[in-house]
Amino acid sequence: MNTDRNSPCILLAEDEMLLAMMLEDRLNASGYRVLKAARLAKCLELAESAPIDLAILDINLAGEVSFPAALVLRRRGIPFVFSSGYGDDDLPEAWRTEKILQKPYDARQLDAALNALRAA
C-alpha cells in the first residue's frame, strides 16, 4: 500500500473484490495512494470529504449506480472515469460525455485513462 502523502490519491469504487485488489496493486505500483469503496455509501463518504485527486467509478456497485458519487466529484472538480461491463448505450444521456473504461480493460487502457484525467 502506497502511503506517501505526496503521491496522487485515487478513489477506486469497485465491488468485485479480486478486481479491486488487482487494481489497487497496479495503482500502487504506478505511484498512487488508493482509497477503496465497494458500496455506494462508502464511495459517497469518500467522495464528499477525502483528499482525492482522481477517481475510477464502477457504474454498478452491488446493485446501486455510482452516479450520486460522480455528482459529488463533479461538484468538487475531481476528474473521474467510469468503469463498466455494460455498453455506452446503457448510460443515461447526462453521463454519455464521460470517459468509460470498458471492462475488461488492460493496464495500457487504465494508464491512458488516468493520464487523460491528470492532463484535464
PDB file of N, CA and C in Angstrom:
ATOM      1  N   MET A   1       0.843  -1.188   0.000  1.00  0.00           N
ATOM      2  CA  MET A   1       0.000   0.000   0.000  1.00  0.00           C
ATOM      3  C   MET A   1       0.882   1.243   0.000  1.00  0.00           C
ATOM      4  N   ASN A   2       0.648   2.134  -0.916  1.00  0.00           N
ATOM      5  CA  ASN A   2       1.403   3.374  -1.018  1.00  0.00           C
ATOM      6  C   ASN A   2       0.824   4.373  -0.019  1.00  0.00           C
ATOM      7  N   THR A   3       1.660   4.794   0.941  1.00  0.00           N
ATOM      8  CA  THR A   3       1.184   5.741   1.956  1.00  0.00           C
ATOM      9  C   THR A   3       1.874   7.095   1.851  1.00  0.00           C
ATOM     10  N   ASP A   4       2.621   7.315   0.786  1.00  0.00           N
ATOM     11  CA  ASP A   4       3.302   8.592   0.591  1.00  0.00           C
ATOM     12  C   ASP A   4       2.267   9.691   0.372  1.00  0.00           C
ATOM     13  N   ARG A   5       2.208  10.632   1.299  1.00  0.00           N
ATOM     14  CA  ARG A   5       1.194  11.697   1.246  1.00  0.00           C
ATOM     15  C   ARG A   5       1.399  12.646   0.064  1.00  0.00           C
ATOM     16  N   ASN A   6       2.563  12.583  -0.588  1.00  0.00           N
ATOM     17  CA  ASN A   6       2.813  13.423  -1.756  1.00  0.00           C
ATOM     18  C   ASN A   6       2.353  12.755  -3.049  1.00  0.00           C
ATOM     19  N   SER A   7       1.993  11.481  -2.962  1.00  0.00           N
ATOM     20  CA  SER A   7       1.515  10.754  -4.136  1.00  0.00           C
ATOM     21  C   SER A   7       0.074  11.150  -4.429  1.00  0.00           C
ATOM     22  N   PRO A   8      -0.310  11.144  -5.706  1.00  0.00           N
ATOM     23  CA  PRO A   8      -1.706  11.438  -6.014  1.00  0.00           C
ATOM     24  C   PRO A   8      -2.616  10.364  -5.422  1.00  0.00           C
ATOM     25  N   CYS A   9      -3.776  10.785  -4.944  1.00  0.00           N
ATOM     26  CA  CYS A   9      -4.734   9.877  -4.313  1.00  0.00           C
ATOM     27  C   CYS A   9      -5.883   9.595  -5.273  1.00  0.00           C
ATOM     28  N   ILE A  10      -6.206   8.327  -5.411  1.00  0.00           N
ATOM     29  CA  ILE A  10      -7.273   7.925  -6.310  1.00  0.00           C
ATOM     30  C   ILE A  10      -8.339   7.155  -5.537  1.00  0.00           C
ATOM     31  N   LEU A  11      -9.581   7.500  -5.792  1.00  0.00           N
ATOM     32  CA  LEU A  11     -10.712   6.768  -5.244  1.00  0.00           C
ATOM     33  C   LEU A  11     -11.042   5.655  -6.225  1.00  0.00           C
ATOM     34  N   LEU A  12     -11.014   4.424  -5.739  1.00  0.00           N
ATOM     35  CA  LEU A  12     -11.349   3.268  -6.550  1.00  0.00           C
ATOM     36  C   LEU A  12     -12.649   2.680  -6.023  1.00  0.00           C
ATOM     37  N   ALA A  13     -13.728   2.877  -6.759  1.00  0.00           N
ATOM     38  CA  ALA A  13     -15.030   2.335  -6.394  1.00  0.00           C
ATOM     39  C   ALA A  13     -15.266   1.099  -7.250  1.00  0.00           C
ATOM     40  N   GLU A  14     -15.119  -0.065  -6.629  1.00  0.00           N
ATOM     41  CA  GLU A  14     -15.231  -1.341  -7.342  1.00  0.00           C
ATOM     42  C   GLU A  14     -15.749  -2.388  -6.372  1.00  0.00           C
ATOM     43  N   ASP A  15     -16.826  -3.085  -6.757  1.00  0.00           N
ATOM     44  CA  ASP A  15     -17.420  -4.071  -5.860  1.00  0.00           C
ATOM     45  C   ASP A  15     -16.930  -5.495  -6.086  1.00  0.00           C
ATOM     46  N   GLU A  16     -16.195  -5.738  -7.141  1.00  0.00           N
ATOM     47  CA  GLU A  16     -15.619  -7.063  -7.363  1.00  0.00           C
ATOM     48  C   GLU A  16     -14.272  -7.125  -6.645  1.00  0.00           C
ATOM     49  N   MET A  17     -14.223  -7.871  -5.535  1.00  0.00           N
ATOM     50  CA  MET A  17     -13.075  -7.852  -4.641  1.00  0.00           C
ATOM     51  C   MET A  17     -11.758  -8.192  -5.336  1.00  0.00           C
ATOM     52  N   LEU A  18     -11.728  -9.227  -6.146  1.00  0.00           N
ATOM     53  CA  LEU A  18     -10.473  -9.608  -6.803  1.00  0.00           C
ATOM     54  C   LEU A  18     -10.001  -8.525  -7.769  1.00  0.00           C
ATOM     55  N   LEU A  19     -10.928  -7.955  -8.514  1.00  0.00           N
ATOM     56  CA  LEU A  19     -10.575  -6.869  -9.431  1.00  0.00           C
ATOM     57  C   LEU A  19     -10.078  -5.663  -8.653  1.00  0.00           C
ATOM     58  N   ALA A  20     -10.741  -5.334  -7.557  1.00  0.00           N
ATOM     59  CA  ALA A  20     -10.324  -4.192  -6.735  1.00  0.00           C
ATOM     60  C   ALA A  20      -8.917  -4.408  -6.184  1.00  0.00           C
ATOM     61  N   MET A  21      -8.618  -5.613  -5.724  1.00  0.00           N
ATOM     62  CA  MET A  21      -7.284  -5.899  -5.187  1.00  0.00           C
ATOM     63  C   MET A  21      -6.226  -5.803  -6.283  1.00  0.00           C
ATOM     64  N   MET A  22      -6.532  -6.337  -7.458  1.00  0.00           N
ATOM     65  CA  MET A  22      -5.598  -6.275  -8.574  1.00  0.00           C
ATOM     66  C   MET A  22      -5.347  -4.818  -9.001  1.00  0.00           C
ATOM     67  N   LEU A  23      -6.425  -4.048  -9.090  1.00  0.00           N
ATOM     68  CA  LEU A  23      -6.286  -2.647  -9.475  1.00  0.00           C
ATOM     69  C   LEU A  23      -5.522  -1.856  -8.417  1.00  0.00           C
ATOM     70  N   GLU A  24      -5.794  -2.120  -7.154  1.00  0.00           N
ATOM     71  CA  GLU A  24      -5.067  -1.435  -6.088  1.00  0.00           C
ATOM     72  C   GLU A  24      -3.569  -1.691  -6.205  1.00  0.00           C
ATOM     73  N   ASP A  25      -3.185  -2.942  -6.433  1.00  0.00           N
ATOM     74  CA  ASP A  25      -1.766  -3.273  -6.611  1.00  0.00           C
ATOM     75  C   ASP A  25      -1.176  -2.524  -7.799  1.00  0.00           C
ATOM     76  N   ARG A  26      -1.906  -2.518  -8.900  1.00  0.00           N
ATOM     77  CA  ARG A  26      -1.438  -1.842 -10.121  1.00  0.00           C
ATOM     78  C   ARG A  26      -1.295  -0.332  -9.888  1.00  0.00           C
ATOM     79  N   LEU A  27      -2.281   0.258  -9.237  1.00  0.00           N
ATOM     80  CA  LEU A  27      -2.258   1.697  -8.980  1.00  0.00           C
ATOM     81  C   LEU A  27      -1.154   2.062  -7.993  1.00  0.00           C
ATOM     82  N   ASN A  28      -0.967   1.251  -6.954  1.00  0.00           N
ATOM     83  CA  ASN A  28       0.136   1.487  -6.011  1.00  0.00           C
ATOM     84  C   ASN A  28       1.479   1.424  -6.726  1.00  0.00           C
ATOM     85  N   ALA A  29       1.639   0.442  -7.604  1.00  0.00           N
ATOM     86  CA  ALA A  29       2.891   0.304  -8.356  1.00  0.00           C
ATOM     87  C   ALA A  29       3.119   1.494  -9.283  1.00  0.00           C
ATOM     88  N   SER A  30       2.039   2.161  -9.680  1.00  0.00           N
ATOM     89  CA  SER A  30       2.140   3.338 -10.545  1.00  0.00           C
ATOM     90  C   SER A  30       2.283   4.634  -9.747  1.00  0.00           C
ATOM     91  N   GLY A  31       2.366   4.515  -8.417  1.00  0.00           N
ATOM     92  CA  GLY A  31       2.622   5.687  -7.593  1.00  0.00           C
ATOM     93  C   GLY A  31       1.405   6.351  -6.983  1.00  0.00           C
ATOM     94  N   TYR A  32       0.255   5.717  -7.040  1.00  0.00           N
ATOM     95  CA  TYR A  32      -0.962   6.289  -6.474  1.00  0.00           C
ATOM     96  C   TYR A  32      -1.214   5.766  -5.062  1.00  0.00           C
ATOM     97  N   ARG A  33      -1.786   6.621  -4.222  1.00  0.00           N
ATOM     98  CA  ARG A  33      -2.403   6.171  -2.975  1.00  0.00           C
ATOM     99  C   ARG A  33      -3.832   5.818  -3.340  1.00  0.00           C
ATOM    100  N   VAL A  34      -4.350   4.725  -2.826  1.00  0.00           N
ATOM    101  CA  VAL A  34      -5.670   4.241  -3.227  1.00  0.00           C
ATOM    102  C   VAL A  34      -6.610   4.202  -2.029  1.00  0.00           C
ATOM    103  N   LEU A  35      -7.779   4.791  -2.221  1.00  0.00           N
ATOM    104  CA  LEU A  35      -8.884   4.666  -1.271  1.00  0.00           C
ATOM    105  C   LEU A  35      -9.944   3.822  -1.963  1.00  0.00           C
ATOM    106  N   LYS A  36     -10.348   2.724  -1.329  1.00  0.00           N
ATOM    107  CA  LYS A  36     -11.296   1.811  -1.965  1.00  0.00           C
ATOM    108  C   LYS A  36     -12.678   1.906  -1.341  1.00  0.00           C
ATOM    109  N   ALA A  37     -13.664   1.709  -2.195  1.00  0.00           N
ATOM    110  CA  ALA A  37     -15.054   1.630  -1.759  1.00  0.00           C
ATOM    111  C   ALA A  37     -15.741   0.564  -2.600  1.00  0.00           C
ATOM    112  N   ALA A  38     -16.408  -0.367  -1.916  1.00  0.00           N
ATOM    113  CA  ALA A  38     -17.120  -1.421  -2.627  1.00  0.00           C
ATOM    114  C   ALA A  38     -18.621  -1.162  -2.676  1.00  0.00           C
ATOM    115  N   ARG A  39     -19.080  -0.206  -1.895  1.00  0.00           N
ATOM    116  CA  ARG A  39     -20.509   0.117  -1.833  1.00  0.00           C
ATOM    117  C   ARG A  39     -20.706   1.615  -2.025  1.00  0.00           C
ATOM    118  N   LEU A  40     -21.875   1.990  -2.487  1.00  0.00           N
ATOM    119  CA  LEU A  40     -22.162   3.389  -2.771  1.00  0.00           C
ATOM    120  C   LEU A  40     -22.025   4.268  -1.537  1.00  0.00           C
ATOM    121  N   ALA A  41     -22.503   3.825  -0.384  1.00  0.00           N
ATOM    122  CA  ALA A  41     -22.438   4.650   0.825  1.00  0.00           C
ATOM    123  C   ALA A  41     -20.997   5.039   1.154  1.00  0.00           C
ATOM    124  N   LYS A  42     -20.078   4.090   1.097  1.00  0.00           N
ATOM    125  CA  LYS A  42     -18.664   4.374   1.379  1.00  0.00           C
ATOM    126  C   LYS A  42     -18.083   5.266   0.280  1.00  0.00           C
ATOM    127  N   CYS A  43     -18.466   5.013  -0.944  1.00  0.00           N
ATOM    128  CA  CYS A  43     -17.991   5.821  -2.064  1.00  0.00           C
ATOM    129  C   CYS A  43     -18.420   7.275  -1.894  1.00  0.00           C
ATOM    130  N   LEU A  44     -19.669   7.480  -1.518  1.00  0.00           N
ATOM    131  CA  LEU A  44     -20.169   8.839  -1.285  1.00  0.00           C
ATOM    132  C   LEU A  44     -19.431   9.515  -0.142  1.00  0.00           C
ATOM    133  N   GLU A  45     -19.199   8.780   0.933  1.00  0.00           N
ATOM    134  CA  GLU A  45     -18.474   9.329   2.081  1.00  0.00           C
ATOM    135  C   GLU A  45     -17.086   9.801   1.669  1.00  0.00           C
ATOM    136  N   LEU A  46     -16.371   8.977   0.932  1.00  0.00           N
ATOM    137  CA  LEU A  46     -15.030   9.347   0.480  1.00  0.00           C
ATOM    138  C   LEU A  46     -15.083  10.481  -0.543  1.00  0.00           C
ATOM    139  N   ALA A  47     -16.032  10.418  -1.464  1.00  0.00           N
ATOM    140  CA  ALA A  47     -16.170  11.462  -2.487  1.00  0.00           C
ATOM    141  C   ALA A  47     -16.441  12.819  -1.864  1.00  0.00           C
ATOM    142  N   GLU A  48     -17.195  12.846  -0.771  1.00  0.00           N
ATOM    143  CA  GLU A  48     -17.547  14.102  -0.096  1.00  0.00           C
ATOM    144  C   GLU A  48     -16.372  14.741   0.636  1.00  0.00           C
ATOM    145  N   SER A  49     -15.516  13.925   1.247  1.00  0.00           N
ATOM    146  CA  SER A  49     -14.574  14.520   2.193  1.00  0.00           C
ATOM    147  C   SER A  49     -13.108  14.140   2.029  1.00  0.00           C
ATOM    148  N   ALA A  50     -12.806  13.074   1.330  1.00  0.00           N
ATOM    149  CA  ALA A  50     -11.409  12.630   1.237  1.00  0.00           C
ATOM    150  C   ALA A  50     -10.609  13.521   0.275  1.00  0.00           C
ATOM    151  N   PRO A  51      -9.312  13.650   0.531  1.00  0.00           N
ATOM    152  CA  PRO A  51      -8.449  14.425  -0.368  1.00  0.00           C
ATOM    153  C   PRO A  51      -8.088  13.598  -1.603  1.00  0.00           C
ATOM    154  N   ILE A  52      -8.988  13.588  -2.564  1.00  0.00           N
ATOM    155  CA  ILE A  52      -8.870  12.754  -3.762  1.00  0.00           C
ATOM    156  C   ILE A  52      -8.417  13.607  -4.944  1.00  0.00           C
ATOM    157  N   ASP A  53      -7.526  13.034  -5.762  1.00  0.00           N
ATOM    158  CA  ASP A  53      -7.089  13.711  -6.979  1.00  0.00           C
ATOM    159  C   ASP A  53      -7.817  13.202  -8.220  1.00  0.00           C
ATOM    160  N   LEU A  54      -8.146  11.904  -8.216  1.00  0.00           N
ATOM    161  CA  LEU A  54      -8.790  11.245  -9.351  1.00  0.00           C
ATOM    162  C   LEU A  54      -9.705  10.152  -8.821  1.00  0.00           C
ATOM    163  N   ALA A  55     -10.582   9.630  -9.684  1.00  0.00           N
ATOM    164  CA  ALA A  55     -11.433   8.521  -9.264  1.00  0.00           C
ATOM    165  C   ALA A  55     -11.754   7.604 -10.436  1.00  0.00           C
ATOM    166  N   ILE A  56     -11.901   6.331 -10.103  1.00  0.00           N
ATOM    167  CA  ILE A  56     -12.415   5.318 -11.020  1.00  0.00           C
ATOM    168  C   ILE A  56     -13.687   4.796 -10.375  1.00  0.00           C
ATOM    169  N   LEU A  57     -14.809   4.976 -11.058  1.00  0.00           N
ATOM    170  CA  LEU A  57     -16.097   4.591 -10.505  1.00  0.00           C
ATOM    171  C   LEU A  57     -16.731   3.477 -11.321  1.00  0.00           C
ATOM    172  N   ASP A  58     -16.818   2.293 -10.740  1.00  0.00           N
ATOM    173  CA  ASP A  58     -17.616   1.237 -11.359  1.00  0.00           C
ATOM    174  C   ASP A  58     -19.055   1.741 -11.346  1.00  0.00           C
ATOM    175  N   ILE A  59     -19.722   1.678 -12.462  1.00  0.00           N
ATOM    176  CA  ILE A  59     -21.084   2.224 -12.536  1.00  0.00           C
ATOM    177  C   ILE A  59     -22.039   1.458 -11.624  1.00  0.00           C
ATOM    178  N   ASN A  60     -21.890   0.142 -11.573  1.00  0.00           N
ATOM    179  CA  ASN A  60     -22.781  -0.681 -10.759  1.00  0.00           C
ATOM    180  C   ASN A  60     -22.024  -1.162  -9.524  1.00  0.00           C
ATOM    181  N   LEU A  61     -22.348  -0.595  -8.381  1.00  0.00           N
ATOM    182  CA  LEU A  61     -21.735  -1.001  -7.114  1.00  0.00           C
ATOM    183  C   LEU A  61     -22.749  -1.823  -6.322  1.00  0.00           C
ATOM    184  N   ALA A  62     -22.650  -3.130  -6.442  1.00  0.00           N
ATOM    185  CA  ALA A  62     -23.535  -4.040  -5.721  1.00  0.00           C
ATOM    186  C   ALA A  62     -25.013  -3.688  -5.926  1.00  0.00           C
ATOM    187  N   GLY A  63     -25.366  -3.379  -7.174  1.00  0.00           N
ATOM    188  CA  GLY A  63     -26.762  -3.107  -7.493  1.00  0.00           C
ATOM    189  C   GLY A  63     -27.175  -1.646  -7.403  1.00  0.00           C
ATOM    190  N   GLU A  64     -26.267  -0.770  -6.971  1.00  0.00           N
ATOM    191  CA  GLU A  64     -26.561   0.667  -6.917  1.00  0.00           C
ATOM    192  C   GLU A  64     -25.637   1.384  -7.893  1.00  0.00           C
ATOM    193  N   VAL A  65     -26.181   2.350  -8.614  1.00  0.00           N
ATOM    194  CA  VAL A  65     -25.356   3.097  -9.564  1.00  0.00           C
ATOM    195  C   VAL A  65     -24.502   4.134  -8.821  1.00  0.00           C
ATOM    196  N   SER A  66     -23.341   4.400  -9.368  1.00  0.00           N
ATOM    197  CA  SER A  66     -22.397   5.329  -8.732  1.00  0.00           C
ATOM    198  C   SER A  66     -22.598   6.781  -9.158  1.00  0.00           C
ATOM    199  N   PHE A  67     -23.653   7.085  -9.875  1.00  0.00           N
ATOM    200  CA  PHE A  67     -23.888   8.449 -10.359  1.00  0.00           C
ATOM    201  C   PHE A  67     -23.954   9.488  -9.233  1.00  0.00           C
ATOM    202  N   PRO A  68     -24.544   9.183  -8.067  1.00  0.00           N
ATOM    203  CA  PRO A  68     -24.522  10.188  -6.986  1.00  0.00           C
ATOM    204  C   PRO A  68     -23.098  10.562  -6.565  1.00  0.00           C
ATOM    205  N   ALA A  69     -22.194   9.595  -6.540  1.00  0.00           N
ATOM    206  CA  ALA A  69     -20.799   9.894  -6.208  1.00  0.00           C
ATOM    207  C   ALA A  69     -20.151  10.706  -7.322  1.00  0.00           C
ATOM    208  N   ALA A  70     -20.496  10.396  -8.570  1.00  0.00           N
ATOM    209  CA  ALA A  70     -19.969  11.169  -9.699  1.00  0.00           C
ATOM    210  C   ALA A  70     -20.406  12.628  -9.610  1.00  0.00           C
ATOM    211  N   LEU A  71     -21.635  12.860  -9.181  1.00  0.00           N
ATOM    212  CA  LEU A  71     -22.108  14.239  -9.000  1.00  0.00           C
ATOM    213  C   LEU A  71     -21.290  14.980  -7.946  1.00  0.00           C
ATOM    214  N   VAL A  72     -20.980  14.294  -6.862  1.00  0.00           N
ATOM    215  CA  VAL A  72     -20.163  14.899  -5.805  1.00  0.00           C
ATOM    216  C   VAL A  72     -18.776  15.223  -6.341  1.00  0.00           C
ATOM    217  N   LEU A  73     -18.174  14.280  -7.044  1.00  0.00           N
ATOM    218  CA  LEU A  73     -16.837  14.510  -7.608  1.00  0.00           C
ATOM    219  C   LEU A  73     -16.870  15.658  -8.609  1.00  0.00           C
ATOM    220  N   ARG A  74     -17.889  15.687  -9.435  1.00  0.00           N
ATOM    221  CA  ARG A  74     -18.031  16.773 -10.414  1.00  0.00           C
ATOM    222  C   ARG A  74     -18.117  18.118  -9.699  1.00  0.00           C
ATOM    223  N   ARG A  75     -18.927  18.175  -8.630  1.00  0.00           N
ATOM    224  CA  ARG A  75     -19.076  19.418  -7.848  1.00  0.00           C
ATOM    225  C   ARG A  75     -17.747  19.843  -7.241  1.00  0.00           C
ATOM    226  N   ARG A  76     -16.954  18.881  -6.794  1.00  0.00           N
ATOM    227  CA  ARG A  76     -15.654  19.178  -6.178  1.00  0.00           C
ATOM    228  C   ARG A  76     -14.556  19.426  -7.221  1.00  0.00           C
ATOM    229  N   GLY A  77     -14.857  19.216  -8.491  1.00  0.00           N
ATOM    230  CA  GLY A  77     -13.863  19.424  -9.545  1.00  0.00           C
ATOM    231  C   GLY A  77     -12.826  18.316  -9.616  1.00  0.00           C
ATOM    232  N   ILE A  78     -13.198  17.117  -9.184  1.00  0.00           N
ATOM    233  CA  ILE A  78     -12.278  15.975  -9.195  1.00  0.00           C
ATOM    234  C   ILE A  78     -12.552  15.140 -10.440  1.00  0.00           C
ATOM    235  N   PRO A  79     -11.545  14.977 -11.293  1.00  0.00           N
ATOM    236  CA  PRO A  79     -11.744  14.194 -12.518  1.00  0.00           C
ATOM    237  C   PRO A  79     -11.985  12.720 -12.199  1.00  0.00           C
ATOM    238  N   PHE A  80     -12.845  12.096 -12.987  1.00  0.00           N
ATOM    239  CA  PHE A  80     -13.143  10.677 -12.786  1.00  0.00           C
ATOM    240  C   PHE A  80     -13.403  10.003 -14.112  1.00  0.00           C
ATOM    241  N   VAL A  81     -13.315   8.688 -14.074  1.00  0.00           N
ATOM    242  CA  VAL A  81     -13.663   7.857 -15.211  1.00  0.00           C
ATOM    243  C   VAL A  81     -14.584   6.759 -14.690  1.00  0.00           C
ATOM    244  N   PHE A  82     -15.595   6.445 -15.467  1.00  0.00           N
ATOM    245  CA  PHE A  82     -16.455   5.321 -15.124  1.00  0.00           C
ATOM    246  C   PHE A  82     -15.798   4.043 -15.611  1.00  0.00           C
ATOM    247  N   SER A  83     -16.081   2.944 -14.943  1.00  0.00           N
ATOM    248  CA  SER A  83     -15.715   1.639 -15.478  1.00  0.00           C
ATOM    249  C   SER A  83     -16.990   0.808 -15.507  1.00  0.00           C
ATOM    250  N   SER A  84     -17.121   0.007 -16.565  1.00  0.00           N
ATOM    251  CA  SER A  84     -18.376  -0.730 -16.726  1.00  0.00           C
ATOM    252  C   SER A  84     -18.206  -1.893 -17.683  1.00  0.00           C
ATOM    253  N   GLY A  85     -18.970  -2.918 -17.427  1.00  0.00           N
ATOM    254  CA  GLY A  85     -19.060  -4.034 -18.351  1.00  0.00           C
ATOM    255  C   GLY A  85     -20.222  -3.863 -19.317  1.00  0.00           C
ATOM    256  N   TYR A  86     -20.982  -2.799 -19.124  1.00  0.00           N
ATOM    257  CA  TYR A  86     -22.122  -2.505 -19.984  1.00  0.00           C
ATOM    258  C   TYR A  86     -21.689  -1.585 -21.116  1.00  0.00           C
ATOM    259  N   GLY A  87     -22.482  -1.522 -22.157  1.00  0.00           N
ATOM    260  CA  GLY A  87     -22.185  -0.652 -23.284  1.00  0.00           C
ATOM    261  C   GLY A  87     -22.538   0.798 -23.001  1.00  0.00           C
ATOM    262  N   ASP A  88     -22.024   1.695 -23.817  1.00  0.00           N
ATOM    263  CA  ASP A  88     -22.303   3.129 -23.690  1.00  0.00           C
ATOM    264  C   ASP A  88     -23.793   3.431 -23.786  1.00  0.00           C
ATOM    265  N   ASP A  89     -24.518   2.620 -24.530  1.00  0.00           N
ATOM    266  CA  ASP A  89     -25.948   2.865 -24.724  1.00  0.00           C
ATOM    267  C   ASP A  89     -26.741   2.694 -23.431  1.00  0.00           C
ATOM    268  N   ASP A  90     -26.161   1.991 -22.450  1.00  0.00           N
ATOM    269  CA  ASP A  90     -26.838   1.776 -21.178  1.00  0.00           C
ATOM    270  C   ASP A  90     -26.705   2.967 -20.239  1.00  0.00           C
ATOM    271  N   LEU A  91     -25.862   3.936 -20.596  1.00  0.00           N
ATOM    272  CA  LEU A  91     -25.683   5.117 -19.752  1.00  0.00           C
ATOM    273  C   LEU A  91     -26.812   6.118 -19.970  1.00  0.00           C
ATOM    274  N   PRO A  92     -27.273   6.730 -18.894  1.00  0.00           N
ATOM    275  CA  PRO A  92     -28.227   7.832 -19.074  1.00  0.00           C
ATOM    276  C   PRO A  92     -27.578   8.952 -19.891  1.00  0.00           C
ATOM    277  N   GLU A  93     -28.371   9.656 -20.621  1.00  0.00           N
ATOM    278  CA  GLU A  93     -27.888  10.722 -21.507  1.00  0.00           C
ATOM    279  C   GLU A  93     -26.964  11.699 -20.788  1.00  0.00           C
ATOM    280  N   ALA A  94     -27.263  12.044 -19.561  1.00  0.00           N
ATOM    281  CA  ALA A  94     -26.480  13.030 -18.804  1.00  0.00           C
ATOM    282  C   ALA A  94     -25.032  12.608 -18.583  1.00  0.00           C
ATOM    283  N   TRP A  95     -24.734  11.319 -18.714  1.00  0.00           N
ATOM    284  CA  TRP A  95     -23.384  10.818 -18.430  1.00  0.00           C
ATOM    285  C   TRP A  95     -22.643  10.343 -19.667  1.00  0.00           C
ATOM    286  N   ARG A  96     -23.234  10.453 -20.826  1.00  0.00           N
ATOM    287  CA  ARG A  96     -22.623   9.882 -22.036  1.00  0.00           C
ATOM    288  C   ARG A  96     -21.373  10.600 -22.507  1.00  0.00           C
ATOM    289  N   THR A  97     -21.116  11.801 -22.007  1.00  0.00           N
ATOM    290  CA  THR A  97     -19.898  12.505 -22.413  1.00  0.00           C
ATOM    291  C   THR A  97     -18.707  12.135 -21.527  1.00  0.00           C
ATOM    292  N   GLU A  98     -18.942  11.392 -20.452  1.00  0.00           N
ATOM    293  CA  GLU A  98     -17.854  10.993 -19.548  1.00  0.00           C
ATOM    294  C   GLU A  98     -17.057   9.840 -20.145  1.00  0.00           C
ATOM    295  N   LYS A  99     -15.794   9.792 -19.792  1.00  0.00           N
ATOM    296  CA  LYS A  99     -14.927   8.691 -20.226  1.00  0.00           C
ATOM    297  C   LYS A  99     -15.363   7.404 -19.528  1.00  0.00           C
ATOM    298  N   ILE A 100     -15.268   6.291 -20.270  1.00  0.00           N
ATOM    299  CA  ILE A 100     -15.618   4.985 -19.716  1.00  0.00           C
ATOM    300  C   ILE A 100     -14.499   4.001 -20.028  1.00  0.00           C
ATOM    301  N   LEU A 101     -14.039   3.319 -18.993  1.00  0.00           N
ATOM    302  CA  LEU A 101     -13.146   2.185 -19.170  1.00  0.00           C
ATOM    303  C   LEU A 101     -14.044   0.970 -19.332  1.00  0.00           C
ATOM    304  N   GLN A 102     -14.054   0.399 -20.513  1.00  0.00           N
ATOM    305  CA  GLN A 102     -14.917  -0.738 -20.802  1.00  0.00           C
ATOM    306  C   GLN A 102     -14.265  -2.008 -20.270  1.00  0.00           C
ATOM    307  N   LYS A 103     -14.942  -2.679 -19.344  1.00  0.00           N
ATOM    308  CA  LYS A 103     -14.422  -3.939 -18.798  1.00  0.00           C
ATOM    309  C   LYS A 103     -14.576  -5.041 -19.838  1.00  0.00           C
ATOM    310  N   PRO A 104     -13.632  -5.929 -19.943  1.00  0.00           N
ATOM    311  CA  PRO A 104     -12.349  -5.918 -19.240  1.00  0.00           C
ATOM    312  C   PRO A 104     -11.381  -4.958 -19.928  1.00  0.00           C
ATOM    313  N   TYR A 105     -10.616  -4.242 -19.130  1.00  0.00           N
ATOM    314  CA  TYR A 105      -9.606  -3.342 -19.680  1.00  0.00           C
ATOM    315  C   TYR A 105      -8.244  -3.786 -19.180  1.00  0.00           C
ATOM    316  N   ASP A 106      -7.207  -3.398 -19.940  1.00  0.00           N
ATOM    317  CA  ASP A 106      -5.857  -3.824 -19.578  1.00  0.00           C
ATOM    318  C   ASP A 106      -5.082  -2.645 -18.985  1.00  0.00           C
ATOM    319  N   ALA A 107      -3.841  -2.912 -18.585  1.00  0.00           N
ATOM    320  CA  ALA A 107      -3.014  -1.899 -17.931  1.00  0.00           C
ATOM    321  C   ALA A 107      -2.778  -0.699 -18.839  1.00  0.00           C
ATOM    322  N   ARG A 108      -2.632  -0.932 -20.121  1.00  0.00           N
ATOM    323  CA  ARG A 108      -2.397   0.167 -21.069  1.00  0.00           C
ATOM    324  C   ARG A 108      -3.610   1.096 -21.118  1.00  0.00           C
ATOM    325  N   GLN A 109      -4.808   0.519 -21.165  1.00  0.00           N
ATOM    326  CA  GLN A 109      -6.031   1.327 -21.198  1.00  0.00           C
ATOM    327  C   GLN A 109      -6.231   2.079 -19.884  1.00  0.00           C
ATOM    328  N   LEU A 110      -5.914   1.432 -18.775  1.00  0.00           N
ATOM    329  CA  LEU A 110      -6.013   2.082 -17.473  1.00  0.00           C
ATOM    330  C   LEU A 110      -5.057   3.263 -17.396  1.00  0.00           C
ATOM    331  N   ASP A 111      -3.815   3.046 -17.785  1.00  0.00           N
ATOM    332  CA  ASP A 111      -2.823   4.129 -17.751  1.00  0.00           C
ATOM    333  C   ASP A 111      -3.232   5.291 -18.647  1.00  0.00           C
ATOM    334  N   ALA A 112      -3.751   4.984 -19.842  1.00  0.00           N
ATOM    335  CA  ALA A 112      -4.174   6.038 -20.764  1.00  0.00           C
ATOM    336  C   ALA A 112      -5.317   6.837 -20.173  1.00  0.00           C
ATOM    337  N   ALA A 113      -6.278   6.169 -19.535  1.00  0.00           N
ATOM    338  CA  ALA A 113      -7.409   6.873 -18.927  1.00  0.00           C
ATOM    339  C   ALA A 113      -6.942   7.765 -17.787  1.00  0.00           C
ATOM    340  N   LEU A 114      -6.039   7.263 -16.942  1.00  0.00           N
ATOM    341  CA  LEU A 114      -5.560   8.057 -15.820  1.00  0.00           C
ATOM    342  C   LEU A 114      -4.709   9.225 -16.284  1.00  0.00           C
ATOM    343  N   ASN A 115      -3.886   9.013 -17.310  1.00  0.00           N
ATOM    344  CA  ASN A 115      -3.087  10.123 -17.847  1.00  0.00           C
ATOM    345  C   ASN A 115      -3.986  11.204 -18.438  1.00  0.00           C
ATOM    346  N   ALA A 116      -5.072  10.807 -19.093  1.00  0.00           N
ATOM    347  CA  ALA A 116      -6.016  11.784 -19.642  1.00  0.00           C
ATOM    348  C   ALA A 116      -6.689  12.569 -18.523  1.00  0.00           C
ATOM    349  N   LEU A 117      -7.034  11.894 -17.437  1.00  0.00           N
ATOM    350  CA  LEU A 117      -7.653  12.593 -16.301  1.00  0.00           C
ATOM    351  C   LEU A 117      -6.680  13.593 -15.672  1.00  0.00           C
ATOM    352  N   ARG A 118      -5.448  13.182 -15.517  1.00  0.00           N
ATOM    353  CA  ARG A 118      -4.450  14.056 -14.891  1.00  0.00           C
ATOM    354  C   ARG A 118      -4.149  15.265 -15.769  1.00  0.00           C
ATOM    355  N   ALA A 119      -4.261  15.091 -17.082  1.00  0.00           N
ATOM    356  CA  ALA A 119      -3.985  16.194 -18.004  1.00  0.00           C
ATOM    357  C   ALA A 119      -5.146  17.174 -18.080  1.00  0.00           C
ATOM    358  N   ALA A 120      -6.339  16.710 -17.700  1.00  0.00           N
ATOM    359  CA  ALA A 120      -7.551  17.556 -17.821  1.00  0.00           C
ATOM    360  C   ALA A 120      -7.569  18.651 -16.781  1.00  0.00           C
TER     361      ALA A 120
END
